[in-house]
Amino acid sequence: MAASSAPGDTTRRISWFNRVLAPIALVAVLLAVFVIVSQNTGDSDKAADDAKAKIDSEGKKDGEGAENPRTYAVEEGDTLSGIAAKFDVSVKRLERLNPDIDPQALAAGQELTIR
């Protein structure tokens, strides 16, 4: 026997609503995830630019710019190898130029000679 649809029966309306709403909600969630991820992964360039802006440029010779600083103020989380990579200098050279530093215990604000 076929089930007839009573005037107060909302199963058909809810089923249609769910069939339309579910894909729209899925697309909205995927779009939100994409936007959040793309915004958070694009900040690495900004962080590098901010780090370069904090470089202490005192004692520069003529022709030296922010890309070739003489000193660098250590920031929290910096490592000697990270600083060496940032300024294209070897870790051994940094250790030679800064014999009084302990590579395992860099402190924020500590001045390092780069070149």
PDB file of N, CA and C in Angstrom:
ATOM      1  N   MET A   1       0.834  -1.139   0.000  1.00  0.00           N
ATOM      2  CA  MET A   1       0.000   0.000   0.000  1.00  0.00           C
ATOM      3  C   MET A   1       0.901   1.231   0.000  1.00  0.00           C
ATOM      4  N   ALA A   2       0.589   2.176  -0.813  1.00  0.00           N
ATOM      5  CA  ALA A   2       1.384   3.382  -0.922  1.00  0.00           C
ATOM      6  C   ALA A   2       1.036   4.331   0.197  1.00  0.00           C
ATOM      7  N   ALA A   3       2.048   4.923   0.769  1.00  0.00           N
ATOM      8  CA  ALA A   3       1.830   5.868   1.855  1.00  0.00           C
ATOM      9  C   ALA A   3       1.424   7.205   1.257  1.00  0.00           C
ATOM     10  N   SER A   4       0.352   7.729   1.804  1.00  0.00           N
ATOM     11  CA  SER A   4      -0.095   9.023   1.298  1.00  0.00           C
ATOM     12  C   SER A   4       0.456  10.125   2.188  1.00  0.00           C
ATOM     13  N   SER A   5       0.595  11.239   1.632  1.00  0.00           N
ATOM     14  CA  SER A   5       1.166  12.372   2.329  1.00  0.00           C
ATOM     15  C   SER A   5       0.047  13.159   2.979  1.00  0.00           C
ATOM     16  N   ALA A   6       0.055  13.199   4.294  1.00  0.00           N
ATOM     17  CA  ALA A   6      -0.967  13.938   5.037  1.00  0.00           C
ATOM     18  C   ALA A   6      -0.609  15.423   5.026  1.00  0.00           C
ATOM     19  N   PRO A   7      -1.583  16.311   5.200  1.00  0.00           N
ATOM     20  CA  PRO A   7      -1.303  17.740   5.164  1.00  0.00           C
ATOM     21  C   PRO A   7      -0.263  18.181   6.209  1.00  0.00           C
ATOM     22  N   GLY A   8      -0.170  17.535   7.344  1.00  0.00           N
ATOM     23  CA  GLY A   8       0.780  17.932   8.372  1.00  0.00           C
ATOM     24  C   GLY A   8       2.100  17.188   8.280  1.00  0.00           C
ATOM     25  N   ASP A   9       2.294  16.369   7.269  1.00  0.00           N
ATOM     26  CA  ASP A   9       3.512  15.572   7.124  1.00  0.00           C
ATOM     27  C   ASP A   9       4.649  16.452   6.571  1.00  0.00           C
ATOM     28  N   THR A  10       5.720  16.587   7.348  1.00  0.00           N
ATOM     29  CA  THR A  10       6.840  17.459   6.947  1.00  0.00           C
ATOM     30  C   THR A  10       8.076  16.665   6.540  1.00  0.00           C
ATOM     31  N   THR A  11       7.979  15.358   6.462  1.00  0.00           N
ATOM     32  CA  THR A  11       9.154  14.553   6.134  1.00  0.00           C
ATOM     33  C   THR A  11       9.669  14.867   4.738  1.00  0.00           C
ATOM     34  N   ARG A  12       8.787  15.100   3.798  1.00  0.00           N
ATOM     35  CA  ARG A  12       9.212  15.397   2.439  1.00  0.00           C
ATOM     36  C   ARG A  12       9.911  16.756   2.388  1.00  0.00           C
ATOM     37  N   ARG A  13       9.389  17.763   3.067  1.00  0.00           N
ATOM     38  CA  ARG A  13       9.979  19.090   3.066  1.00  0.00           C
ATOM     39  C   ARG A  13      11.337  19.068   3.774  1.00  0.00           C
ATOM     40  N   ILE A  14      11.453  18.384   4.891  1.00  0.00           N
ATOM     41  CA  ILE A  14      12.715  18.314   5.619  1.00  0.00           C
ATOM     42  C   ILE A  14      13.749  17.563   4.796  1.00  0.00           C
ATOM     43  N   SER A  15      13.371  16.510   4.138  1.00  0.00           N
ATOM     44  CA  SER A  15      14.292  15.740   3.323  1.00  0.00           C
ATOM     45  C   SER A  15      14.856  16.599   2.191  1.00  0.00           C
ATOM     46  N   TRP A  16      14.005  17.353   1.512  1.00  0.00           N
ATOM     47  CA  TRP A  16      14.465  18.227   0.441  1.00  0.00           C
ATOM     48  C   TRP A  16      15.382  19.319   0.991  1.00  0.00           C
ATOM     49  N   PHE A  17      15.012  19.896   2.122  1.00  0.00           N
ATOM     50  CA  PHE A  17      15.804  20.942   2.768  1.00  0.00           C
ATOM     51  C   PHE A  17      17.188  20.410   3.135  1.00  0.00           C
ATOM     52  N   ASN A  18      17.256  19.206   3.676  1.00  0.00           N
ATOM     53  CA  ASN A  18      18.537  18.613   4.046  1.00  0.00           C
ATOM     54  C   ASN A  18      19.388  18.299   2.825  1.00  0.00           C
ATOM     55  N   ARG A  19      18.769  17.889   1.757  1.00  0.00           N
ATOM     56  CA  ARG A  19      19.520  17.585   0.539  1.00  0.00           C
ATOM     57  C   ARG A  19      20.158  18.837  -0.051  1.00  0.00           C
ATOM     58  N   VAL A  20      19.565  19.972   0.129  1.00  0.00           N
ATOM     59  CA  VAL A  20      20.118  21.222  -0.394  1.00  0.00           C
ATOM     60  C   VAL A  20      21.076  21.839   0.621  1.00  0.00           C
ATOM     61  N   LEU A  21      20.690  21.818   1.880  1.00  0.00           N
ATOM     62  CA  LEU A  21      21.485  22.480   2.904  1.00  0.00           C
ATOM     63  C   LEU A  21      22.818  21.778   3.177  1.00  0.00           C
ATOM     64  N   ALA A  22      22.868  20.484   3.155  1.00  0.00           N
ATOM     65  CA  ALA A  22      24.097  19.744   3.460  1.00  0.00           C
ATOM     66  C   ALA A  22      25.231  20.088   2.493  1.00  0.00           C
ATOM     67  N   PRO A  23      25.039  20.071   1.183  1.00  0.00           N
ATOM     68  CA  PRO A  23      26.145  20.447   0.291  1.00  0.00           C
ATOM     69  C   PRO A  23      26.567  21.910   0.451  1.00  0.00           C
ATOM     70  N   ILE A  24      25.602  22.805   0.692  1.00  0.00           N
ATOM     71  CA  ILE A  24      25.940  24.216   0.894  1.00  0.00           C
ATOM     72  C   ILE A  24      26.780  24.372   2.150  1.00  0.00           C
ATOM     73  N   ALA A  25      26.411  23.690   3.224  1.00  0.00           N
ATOM     74  CA  ALA A  25      27.182  23.763   4.469  1.00  0.00           C
ATOM     75  C   ALA A  25      28.576  23.177   4.271  1.00  0.00           C
ATOM     76  N   LEU A  26      28.691  22.097   3.527  1.00  0.00           N
ATOM     77  CA  LEU A  26      29.994  21.490   3.263  1.00  0.00           C
ATOM     78  C   LEU A  26      30.897  22.442   2.480  1.00  0.00           C
ATOM     79  N   VAL A  27      30.353  23.082   1.473  1.00  0.00           N
ATOM     80  CA  VAL A  27      31.132  24.042   0.687  1.00  0.00           C
ATOM     81  C   VAL A  27      31.562  25.213   1.571  1.00  0.00           C
ATOM     82  N   ALA A  28      30.684  25.690   2.430  1.00  0.00           N
ATOM     83  CA  ALA A  28      31.017  26.809   3.314  1.00  0.00           C
ATOM     84  C   ALA A  28      32.139  26.436   4.275  1.00  0.00           C
ATOM     85  N   VAL A  29      32.104  25.240   4.815  1.00  0.00           N
ATOM     86  CA  VAL A  29      33.153  24.793   5.739  1.00  0.00           C
ATOM     87  C   VAL A  29      34.484  24.641   4.999  1.00  0.00           C
ATOM     88  N   LEU A  30      34.464  24.038   3.824  1.00  0.00           N
ATOM     89  CA  LEU A  30      35.694  23.885   3.046  1.00  0.00           C
ATOM     90  C   LEU A  30      36.278  25.246   2.659  1.00  0.00           C
ATOM     91  N   LEU A  31      35.432  26.184   2.301  1.00  0.00           N
ATOM     92  CA  LEU A  31      35.896  27.527   1.967  1.00  0.00           C
ATOM     93  C   LEU A  31      36.521  28.207   3.187  1.00  0.00           C
ATOM     94  N   ALA A  32      35.904  28.062   4.346  1.00  0.00           N
ATOM     95  CA  ALA A  32      36.446  28.653   5.571  1.00  0.00           C
ATOM     96  C   ALA A  32      37.804  28.045   5.916  1.00  0.00           C
ATOM     97  N   VAL A  33      37.941  26.735   5.788  1.00  0.00           N
ATOM     98  CA  VAL A  33      39.216  26.073   6.063  1.00  0.00           C
ATOM     99  C   VAL A  33      40.277  26.558   5.084  1.00  0.00           C
ATOM    100  N   PHE A  34      39.940  26.673   3.827  1.00  0.00           N
ATOM    101  CA  PHE A  34      40.892  27.154   2.823  1.00  0.00           C
ATOM    102  C   PHE A  34      41.369  28.564   3.142  1.00  0.00           C
ATOM    103  N   VAL A  35      40.458  29.453   3.493  1.00  0.00           N
ATOM    104  CA  VAL A  35      40.825  30.837   3.804  1.00  0.00           C
ATOM    105  C   VAL A  35      41.731  30.887   5.027  1.00  0.00           C
ATOM    106  N   ILE A  36      41.402  30.141   6.062  1.00  0.00           N
ATOM    107  CA  ILE A  36      42.212  30.148   7.287  1.00  0.00           C
ATOM    108  C   ILE A  36      43.607  29.611   7.010  1.00  0.00           C
ATOM    109  N   VAL A  37      43.706  28.520   6.298  1.00  0.00           N
ATOM    110  CA  VAL A  37      45.017  27.926   6.005  1.00  0.00           C
ATOM    111  C   VAL A  37      45.842  28.843   5.114  1.00  0.00           C
ATOM    112  N   SER A  38      45.241  29.433   4.112  1.00  0.00           N
ATOM    113  CA  SER A  38      46.005  30.297   3.202  1.00  0.00           C
ATOM    114  C   SER A  38      46.491  31.555   3.914  1.00  0.00           C
ATOM    115  N   GLN A  39      45.730  32.076   4.844  1.00  0.00           N
ATOM    116  CA  GLN A  39      46.169  33.258   5.590  1.00  0.00           C
ATOM    117  C   GLN A  39      47.292  32.919   6.557  1.00  0.00           C
ATOM    118  N   ASN A  40      47.266  31.757   7.150  1.00  0.00           N
ATOM    119  CA  ASN A  40      48.285  31.393   8.128  1.00  0.00           C
ATOM    120  C   ASN A  40      49.590  30.956   7.485  1.00  0.00           C
ATOM    121  N   THR A  41      49.555  30.448   6.275  1.00  0.00           N
ATOM    122  CA  THR A  41      50.794  30.019   5.631  1.00  0.00           C
ATOM    123  C   THR A  41      51.473  31.149   4.895  1.00  0.00           C
ATOM    124  N   GLY A  42      50.807  32.227   4.623  1.00  0.00           N
ATOM    125  CA  GLY A  42      51.402  33.348   3.923  1.00  0.00           C
ATOM    126  C   GLY A  42      52.165  34.291   4.827  1.00  0.00           C
ATOM    127  N   ASP A  43      52.158  34.074   6.137  1.00  0.00           N
ATOM    128  CA  ASP A  43      52.796  34.984   7.077  1.00  0.00           C
ATOM    129  C   ASP A  43      54.291  34.766   7.216  1.00  0.00           C
ATOM    130  N   SER A  44      54.843  33.702   6.650  1.00  0.00           N
ATOM    131  CA  SER A  44      56.270  33.461   6.832  1.00  0.00           C
ATOM    132  C   SER A  44      57.110  34.554   6.189  1.00  0.00           C
ATOM    133  N   ASP A  45      56.682  35.098   5.044  1.00  0.00           N
ATOM    134  CA  ASP A  45      57.417  36.185   4.407  1.00  0.00           C
ATOM    135  C   ASP A  45      57.347  37.445   5.254  1.00  0.00           C
ATOM    136  N   LYS A  46      56.196  37.700   5.851  1.00  0.00           N
ATOM    137  CA  LYS A  46      56.044  38.882   6.691  1.00  0.00           C
ATOM    138  C   LYS A  46      56.927  38.765   7.919  1.00  0.00           C
ATOM    139  N   ALA A  47      57.016  37.585   8.502  1.00  0.00           N
ATOM    140  CA  ALA A  47      57.865  37.392   9.677  1.00  0.00           C
ATOM    141  C   ALA A  47      59.330  37.606   9.329  1.00  0.00           C
ATOM    142  N   ALA A  48      59.756  37.143   8.169  1.00  0.00           N
ATOM    143  CA  ALA A  48      61.135  37.354   7.745  1.00  0.00           C
ATOM    144  C   ALA A  48      61.407  38.830   7.508  1.00  0.00           C
ATOM    145  N   ASP A  49      60.449  39.545   6.926  1.00  0.00           N
ATOM    146  CA  ASP A  49      60.616  40.972   6.709  1.00  0.00           C
ATOM    147  C   ASP A  49      60.684  41.721   8.033  1.00  0.00           C
ATOM    148  N   ASP A  50      59.854  41.314   8.998  1.00  0.00           N
ATOM    149  CA  ASP A  50      59.888  41.952  10.311  1.00  0.00           C
ATOM    150  C   ASP A  50      61.221  41.712  11.006  1.00  0.00           C
ATOM    151  N   ALA A  51      61.770  40.519  10.854  1.00  0.00           N
ATOM    152  CA  ALA A  51      63.063  40.218  11.473  1.00  0.00           C
ATOM    153  C   ALA A  51      64.162  41.066  10.847  1.00  0.00           C
ATOM    154  N   LYS A  52      64.123  41.234   9.537  1.00  0.00           N
ATOM    155  CA  LYS A  52      65.130  42.059   8.871  1.00  0.00           C
ATOM    156  C   LYS A  52      64.995  43.523   9.275  1.00  0.00           C
ATOM    157  N   ALA A  53      63.770  43.957   9.562  1.00  0.00           N
ATOM    158  CA  ALA A  53      63.562  45.348   9.947  1.00  0.00           C
ATOM    159  C   ALA A  53      64.147  45.640  11.324  1.00  0.00           C
ATOM    160  N   LYS A  54      64.299  44.624  12.170  1.00  0.00           N
ATOM    161  CA  LYS A  54      64.817  44.811  13.517  1.00  0.00           C
ATOM    162  C   LYS A  54      66.334  44.731  13.593  1.00  0.00           C
ATOM    163  N   ILE A  55      66.968  44.576  12.461  1.00  0.00           N
ATOM    164  CA  ILE A  55      68.416  44.441  12.441  1.00  0.00           C
ATOM    165  C   ILE A  55      69.055  45.752  12.867  1.00  0.00           C
ATOM    166  N   ASP A  56      70.018  45.651  13.746  1.00  0.00           N
ATOM    167  CA  ASP A  56      70.735  46.836  14.196  1.00  0.00           C
ATOM    168  C   ASP A  56      71.731  47.219  13.117  1.00  0.00           C
ATOM    169  N   SER A  57      71.564  48.402  12.558  1.00  0.00           N
ATOM    170  CA  SER A  57      72.396  48.790  11.426  1.00  0.00           C
ATOM    171  C   SER A  57      73.514  49.749  11.835  1.00  0.00           C
ATOM    172  N   GLU A  58      73.786  49.937  13.121  1.00  0.00           N
ATOM    173  CA  GLU A  58      74.863  50.823  13.547  1.00  0.00           C
ATOM    174  C   GLU A  58      76.206  50.255  13.109  1.00  0.00           C
ATOM    175  N   GLY A  59      77.105  51.139  12.786  1.00  0.00           N
ATOM    176  CA  GLY A  59      78.448  50.717  12.406  1.00  0.00           C
ATOM    177  C   GLY A  59      78.550  50.241  10.974  1.00  0.00           C
ATOM    178  N   LYS A  60      77.590  50.607  10.137  1.00  0.00           N
ATOM    179  CA  LYS A  60      77.643  50.174   8.730  1.00  0.00           C
ATOM    180  C   LYS A  60      78.705  50.953   7.986  1.00  0.00           C
ATOM    181  N   LYS A  61      79.356  50.314   7.076  1.00  0.00           N
ATOM    182  CA  LYS A  61      80.260  50.978   6.156  1.00  0.00           C
ATOM    183  C   LYS A  61      79.440  51.497   4.991  1.00  0.00           C
ATOM    184  N   ASP A  62      80.019  52.366   4.210  1.00  0.00           N
ATOM    185  CA  ASP A  62      79.318  52.876   3.034  1.00  0.00           C
ATOM    186  C   ASP A  62      78.992  51.713   2.099  1.00  0.00           C
ATOM    187  N   GLY A  63      77.766  51.715   1.587  1.00  0.00           N
ATOM    188  CA  GLY A  63      77.354  50.696   0.637  1.00  0.00           C
ATOM    189  C   GLY A  63      76.730  49.468   1.286  1.00  0.00           C
ATOM    190  N   GLU A  64      76.761  49.382   2.613  1.00  0.00           N
ATOM    191  CA  GLU A  64      76.139  48.238   3.273  1.00  0.00           C
ATOM    192  C   GLU A  64      74.699  48.593   3.612  1.00  0.00           C
ATOM    193  N   GLY A  65      73.789  47.700   3.320  1.00  0.00           N
ATOM    194  CA  GLY A  65      72.383  47.944   3.595  1.00  0.00           C
ATOM    195  C   GLY A  65      71.847  46.949   4.592  1.00  0.00           C
ATOM    196  N   ALA A  66      70.517  46.848   4.662  1.00  0.00           N
ATOM    197  CA  ALA A  66      69.873  45.937   5.604  1.00  0.00           C
ATOM    198  C   ALA A  66      70.168  44.485   5.264  1.00  0.00           C
ATOM    199  N   GLU A  67      70.518  44.187   3.989  1.00  0.00           N
ATOM    200  CA  GLU A  67      70.823  42.808   3.619  1.00  0.00           C
ATOM    201  C   GLU A  67      72.206  42.394   4.122  1.00  0.00           C
ATOM    202  N   ASN A  68      73.072  43.370   4.408  1.00  0.00           N
ATOM    203  CA  ASN A  68      74.425  43.102   4.869  1.00  0.00           C
ATOM    204  C   ASN A  68      74.702  43.792   6.205  1.00  0.00           C
ATOM    205  N   PRO A  69      73.977  43.440   7.244  1.00  0.00           N
ATOM    206  CA  PRO A  69      74.198  44.116   8.519  1.00  0.00           C
ATOM    207  C   PRO A  69      75.498  43.658   9.157  1.00  0.00           C
ATOM    208  N   ARG A  70      75.996  44.455  10.059  1.00  0.00           N
ATOM    209  CA  ARG A  70      77.209  44.084  10.792  1.00  0.00           C
ATOM    210  C   ARG A  70      76.848  43.400  12.093  1.00  0.00           C
ATOM    211  N   THR A  71      75.705  43.763  12.678  1.00  0.00           N
ATOM    212  CA  THR A  71      75.281  43.140  13.930  1.00  0.00           C
ATOM    213  C   THR A  71      73.821  42.726  13.811  1.00  0.00           C
ATOM    214  N   TYR A  72      73.415  41.864  14.726  1.00  0.00           N
ATOM    215  CA  TYR A  72      72.036  41.378  14.756  1.00  0.00           C
ATOM    216  C   TYR A  72      71.619  41.204  16.200  1.00  0.00           C
ATOM    217  N   ALA A  73      70.457  41.699  16.548  1.00  0.00           N
ATOM    218  CA  ALA A  73      69.908  41.512  17.893  1.00  0.00           C
ATOM    219  C   ALA A  73      69.116  40.204  17.902  1.00  0.00           C
ATOM    220  N   VAL A  74      69.529  39.273  18.735  1.00  0.00           N
ATOM    221  CA  VAL A  74      68.889  37.958  18.809  1.00  0.00           C
ATOM    222  C   VAL A  74      67.450  38.128  19.288  1.00  0.00           C
ATOM    223  N   GLU A  75      66.544  37.430  18.640  1.00  0.00           N
ATOM    224  CA  GLU A  75      65.140  37.431  19.027  1.00  0.00           C
ATOM    225  C   GLU A  75      64.805  36.099  19.680  1.00  0.00           C
ATOM    226  N   GLU A  76      63.731  36.083  20.436  1.00  0.00           N
ATOM    227  CA  GLU A  76      63.328  34.859  21.114  1.00  0.00           C
ATOM    228  C   GLU A  76      63.040  33.765  20.087  1.00  0.00           C
ATOM    229  N   GLY A  77      63.592  32.606  20.320  1.00  0.00           N
ATOM    230  CA  GLY A  77      63.397  31.474  19.412  1.00  0.00           C
ATOM    231  C   GLY A  77      64.473  31.351  18.351  1.00  0.00           C
ATOM    232  N   ASP A  78      65.368  32.334  18.245  1.00  0.00           N
ATOM    233  CA  ASP A  78      66.446  32.256  17.263  1.00  0.00           C
ATOM    234  C   ASP A  78      67.459  31.190  17.646  1.00  0.00           C
ATOM    235  N   THR A  79      68.020  30.565  16.637  1.00  0.00           N
ATOM    236  CA  THR A  79      69.124  29.624  16.834  1.00  0.00           C
ATOM    237  C   THR A  79      70.300  30.119  16.007  1.00  0.00           C
ATOM    238  N   LEU A  80      71.478  29.670  16.362  1.00  0.00           N
ATOM    239  CA  LEU A  80      72.665  30.103  15.636  1.00  0.00           C
ATOM    240  C   LEU A  80      72.588  29.660  14.173  1.00  0.00           C
ATOM    241  N   SER A  81      72.117  28.451  13.940  1.00  0.00           N
ATOM    242  CA  SER A  81      72.004  27.976  12.556  1.00  0.00           C
ATOM    243  C   SER A  81      70.932  28.751  11.794  1.00  0.00           C
ATOM    244  N   GLY A  82      69.864  29.137  12.455  1.00  0.00           N
ATOM    245  CA  GLY A  82      68.821  29.928  11.812  1.00  0.00           C
ATOM    246  C   GLY A  82      69.319  31.315  11.435  1.00  0.00           C
ATOM    247  N   ILE A  83      70.081  31.929  12.332  1.00  0.00           N
ATOM    248  CA  ILE A  83      70.657  33.243  12.057  1.00  0.00           C
ATOM    249  C   ILE A  83      71.663  33.138  10.911  1.00  0.00           C
ATOM    250  N   ALA A  84      72.467  32.080  10.936  1.00  0.00           N
ATOM    251  CA  ALA A  84      73.456  31.877   9.867  1.00  0.00           C
ATOM    252  C   ALA A  84      72.759  31.734   8.516  1.00  0.00           C
ATOM    253  N   ALA A  85      71.685  30.989   8.463  1.00  0.00           N
ATOM    254  CA  ALA A  85      70.948  30.806   7.209  1.00  0.00           C
ATOM    255  C   ALA A  85      70.292  32.113   6.767  1.00  0.00           C
ATOM    256  N   LYS A  86      69.787  32.891   7.708  1.00  0.00           N
ATOM    257  CA  LYS A  86      69.109  34.140   7.389  1.00  0.00           C
ATOM    258  C   LYS A  86      70.056  35.135   6.711  1.00  0.00           C
ATOM    259  N   PHE A  87      71.326  35.139   7.140  1.00  0.00           N
ATOM    260  CA  PHE A  87      72.283  36.111   6.614  1.00  0.00           C
ATOM    261  C   PHE A  87      73.328  35.475   5.696  1.00  0.00           C
ATOM    262  N   ASP A  88      73.116  34.218   5.319  1.00  0.00           N
ATOM    263  CA  ASP A  88      74.004  33.515   4.398  1.00  0.00           C
ATOM    264  C   ASP A  88      75.455  33.536   4.895  1.00  0.00           C
ATOM    265  N   VAL A  89      75.618  33.159   6.152  1.00  0.00           N
ATOM    266  CA  VAL A  89      76.918  33.085   6.805  1.00  0.00           C
ATOM    267  C   VAL A  89      77.005  31.699   7.430  1.00  0.00           C
ATOM    268  N   SER A  90      78.214  31.140   7.520  1.00  0.00           N
ATOM    269  CA  SER A  90      78.346  29.830   8.142  1.00  0.00           C
ATOM    270  C   SER A  90      78.276  29.947   9.664  1.00  0.00           C
ATOM    271  N   VAL A  91      77.862  28.859  10.297  1.00  0.00           N
ATOM    272  CA  VAL A  91      77.797  28.822  11.755  1.00  0.00           C
ATOM    273  C   VAL A  91      79.198  28.977  12.337  1.00  0.00           C
ATOM    274  N   LYS A  92      80.187  28.361  11.704  1.00  0.00           N
ATOM    275  CA  LYS A  92      81.567  28.477  12.187  1.00  0.00           C
ATOM    276  C   LYS A  92      82.037  29.926  12.156  1.00  0.00           C
ATOM    277  N   ARG A  93      81.652  30.667  11.119  1.00  0.00           N
ATOM    278  CA  ARG A  93      82.048  32.082  11.046  1.00  0.00           C
ATOM    279  C   ARG A  93      81.391  32.880  12.174  1.00  0.00           C
ATOM    280  N   LEU A  94      80.119  32.609  12.435  1.00  0.00           N
ATOM    281  CA  LEU A  94      79.453  33.290  13.543  1.00  0.00           C
ATOM    282  C   LEU A  94      80.132  32.978  14.869  1.00  0.00           C
ATOM    283  N   GLU A  95      80.535  31.728  15.052  1.00  0.00           N
ATOM    284  CA  GLU A  95      81.222  31.344  16.290  1.00  0.00           C
ATOM    285  C   GLU A  95      82.587  32.033  16.392  1.00  0.00           C
ATOM    286  N   ARG A  96      83.296  32.173  15.255  1.00  0.00           N
ATOM    287  CA  ARG A  96      84.592  32.870  15.263  1.00  0.00           C
ATOM    288  C   ARG A  96      84.422  34.353  15.573  1.00  0.00           C
ATOM    289  N   LEU A  97      83.395  34.976  14.984  1.00  0.00           N
ATOM    290  CA  LEU A  97      83.168  36.398  15.194  1.00  0.00           C
ATOM    291  C   LEU A  97      82.624  36.714  16.584  1.00  0.00           C
ATOM    292  N   ASN A  98      82.006  35.724  17.220  1.00  0.00           N
ATOM    293  CA  ASN A  98      81.395  35.912  18.539  1.00  0.00           C
ATOM    294  C   ASN A  98      81.891  34.832  19.498  1.00  0.00           C
ATOM    295  N   PRO A  99      83.159  34.880  19.898  1.00  0.00           N
ATOM    296  CA  PRO A  99      83.718  33.802  20.712  1.00  0.00           C
ATOM    297  C   PRO A  99      83.110  33.714  22.116  1.00  0.00           C
ATOM    298  N   ASP A 100      82.492  34.791  22.587  1.00  0.00           N
ATOM    299  CA  ASP A 100      81.951  34.800  23.942  1.00  0.00           C
ATOM    300  C   ASP A 100      80.529  34.261  24.041  1.00  0.00           C
ATOM    301  N   ILE A 101      79.916  33.888  22.922  1.00  0.00           N
ATOM    302  CA  ILE A 101      78.537  33.398  22.973  1.00  0.00           C
ATOM    303  C   ILE A 101      78.496  31.898  23.190  1.00  0.00           C
ATOM    304  N   ASP A 102      77.418  31.460  23.788  1.00  0.00           N
ATOM    305  CA  ASP A 102      77.151  30.035  23.932  1.00  0.00           C
ATOM    306  C   ASP A 102      76.041  29.693  22.937  1.00  0.00           C
ATOM    307  N   PRO A 103      76.341  28.938  21.879  1.00  0.00           N
ATOM    308  CA  PRO A 103      75.327  28.652  20.851  1.00  0.00           C
ATOM    309  C   PRO A 103      74.085  27.962  21.405  1.00  0.00           C
ATOM    310  N   GLN A 104      74.216  27.282  22.519  1.00  0.00           N
ATOM    311  CA  GLN A 104      73.074  26.571  23.096  1.00  0.00           C
ATOM    312  C   GLN A 104      72.216  27.470  23.980  1.00  0.00           C
ATOM    313  N   ALA A 105      72.727  28.658  24.321  1.00  0.00           N
ATOM    314  CA  ALA A 105      72.001  29.533  25.247  1.00  0.00           C
ATOM    315  C   ALA A 105      71.959  30.961  24.726  1.00  0.00           C
ATOM    316  N   LEU A 106      71.414  31.153  23.530  1.00  0.00           N
ATOM    317  CA  LEU A 106      71.258  32.501  23.000  1.00  0.00           C
ATOM    318  C   LEU A 106      70.126  33.188  23.747  1.00  0.00           C
ATOM    319  N   ALA A 107      70.345  34.436  24.121  1.00  0.00           N
ATOM    320  CA  ALA A 107      69.336  35.193  24.860  1.00  0.00           C
ATOM    321  C   ALA A 107      68.763  36.283  23.965  1.00  0.00           C
ATOM    322  N   ALA A 108      67.472  36.522  24.082  1.00  0.00           N
ATOM    323  CA  ALA A 108      66.829  37.571  23.312  1.00  0.00           C
ATOM    324  C   ALA A 108      67.468  38.907  23.667  1.00  0.00           C
ATOM    325  N   GLY A 109      67.773  39.705  22.647  1.00  0.00           N
ATOM    326  CA  GLY A 109      68.396  40.992  22.850  1.00  0.00           C
ATOM    327  C   GLY A 109      69.916  40.960  22.767  1.00  0.00           C
ATOM    328  N   GLN A 110      70.483  39.779  22.788  1.00  0.00           N
ATOM    329  CA  GLN A 110      71.934  39.629  22.710  1.00  0.00           C
ATOM    330  C   GLN A 110      72.408  40.076  21.323  1.00  0.00           C
ATOM    331  N   GLU A 111      73.480  40.841  21.262  1.00  0.00           N
ATOM    332  CA  GLU A 111      74.025  41.332  19.994  1.00  0.00           C
ATOM    333  C   GLU A 111      75.047  40.346  19.446  1.00  0.00           C
ATOM    334  N   LEU A 112      74.894  39.989  18.170  1.00  0.00           N
ATOM    335  CA  LEU A 112      75.840  39.123  17.484  1.00  0.00           C
ATOM    336  C   LEU A 112      76.483  39.883  16.339  1.00  0.00           C
ATOM    337  N   THR A 113      77.775  39.707  16.160  1.00  0.00           N
ATOM    338  CA  THR A 113      78.457  40.260  14.996  1.00  0.00           C
ATOM    339  C   THR A 113      78.230  39.297  13.843  1.00  0.00           C
ATOM    340  N   ILE A 114      77.751  39.832  12.722  1.00  0.00           N
ATOM    341  CA  ILE A 114      77.416  38.986  11.567  1.00  0.00           C
ATOM    342  C   ILE A 114      78.556  38.977  10.558  1.00  0.00           C
ATOM    343  N   ARG A 115      79.149  40.116  10.266  1.00  0.00           N
ATOM    344  CA  ARG A 115      80.191  40.213   9.237  1.00  0.00           C
ATOM    345  C   ARG A 115      81.399  40.915   9.784  1.00  0.00           C
TER     346      ARG A 115
END
